[in-house]
């Protein structure tokens, strides 16, 4: 299995930027598609973005298209989420997750397909 640790969250003003990191350890990193999900208080955990093993397949939720960019560095076993033009509605706990079955095919946007999860990092965007 793979272990995931998120970092990079914090408090930022609306319009600002943050870069989240998801560091993986354990099994071969390139065997996994990686996604970022987020969960705001009282809401469901929803997908934000996903990337397959070689970065050729990505997915973005409509709400973040044009503002967020997912990328990965396989040599460093790390996936990044660059978040620009942040809005108060982006406030949530952000989680990264790993999916082995869709590593080599178009990524999945389904939460149920992601087997391994990190503990999350809080992102707060002040108005």
Foldseek 3Di string as FASTA:
>chain_A
DKAWAKDWADEEAQQAKIKMKIAIDDDQLLLKKKWKWWDDPPDDIFTAKIAASVRPAMDGDPVQPPFWDWDDDSVRRMIMIIGGRDDQVVWTWMKMFIARVPRPHHDDRDPVRTDYIYPTDTHGYHD
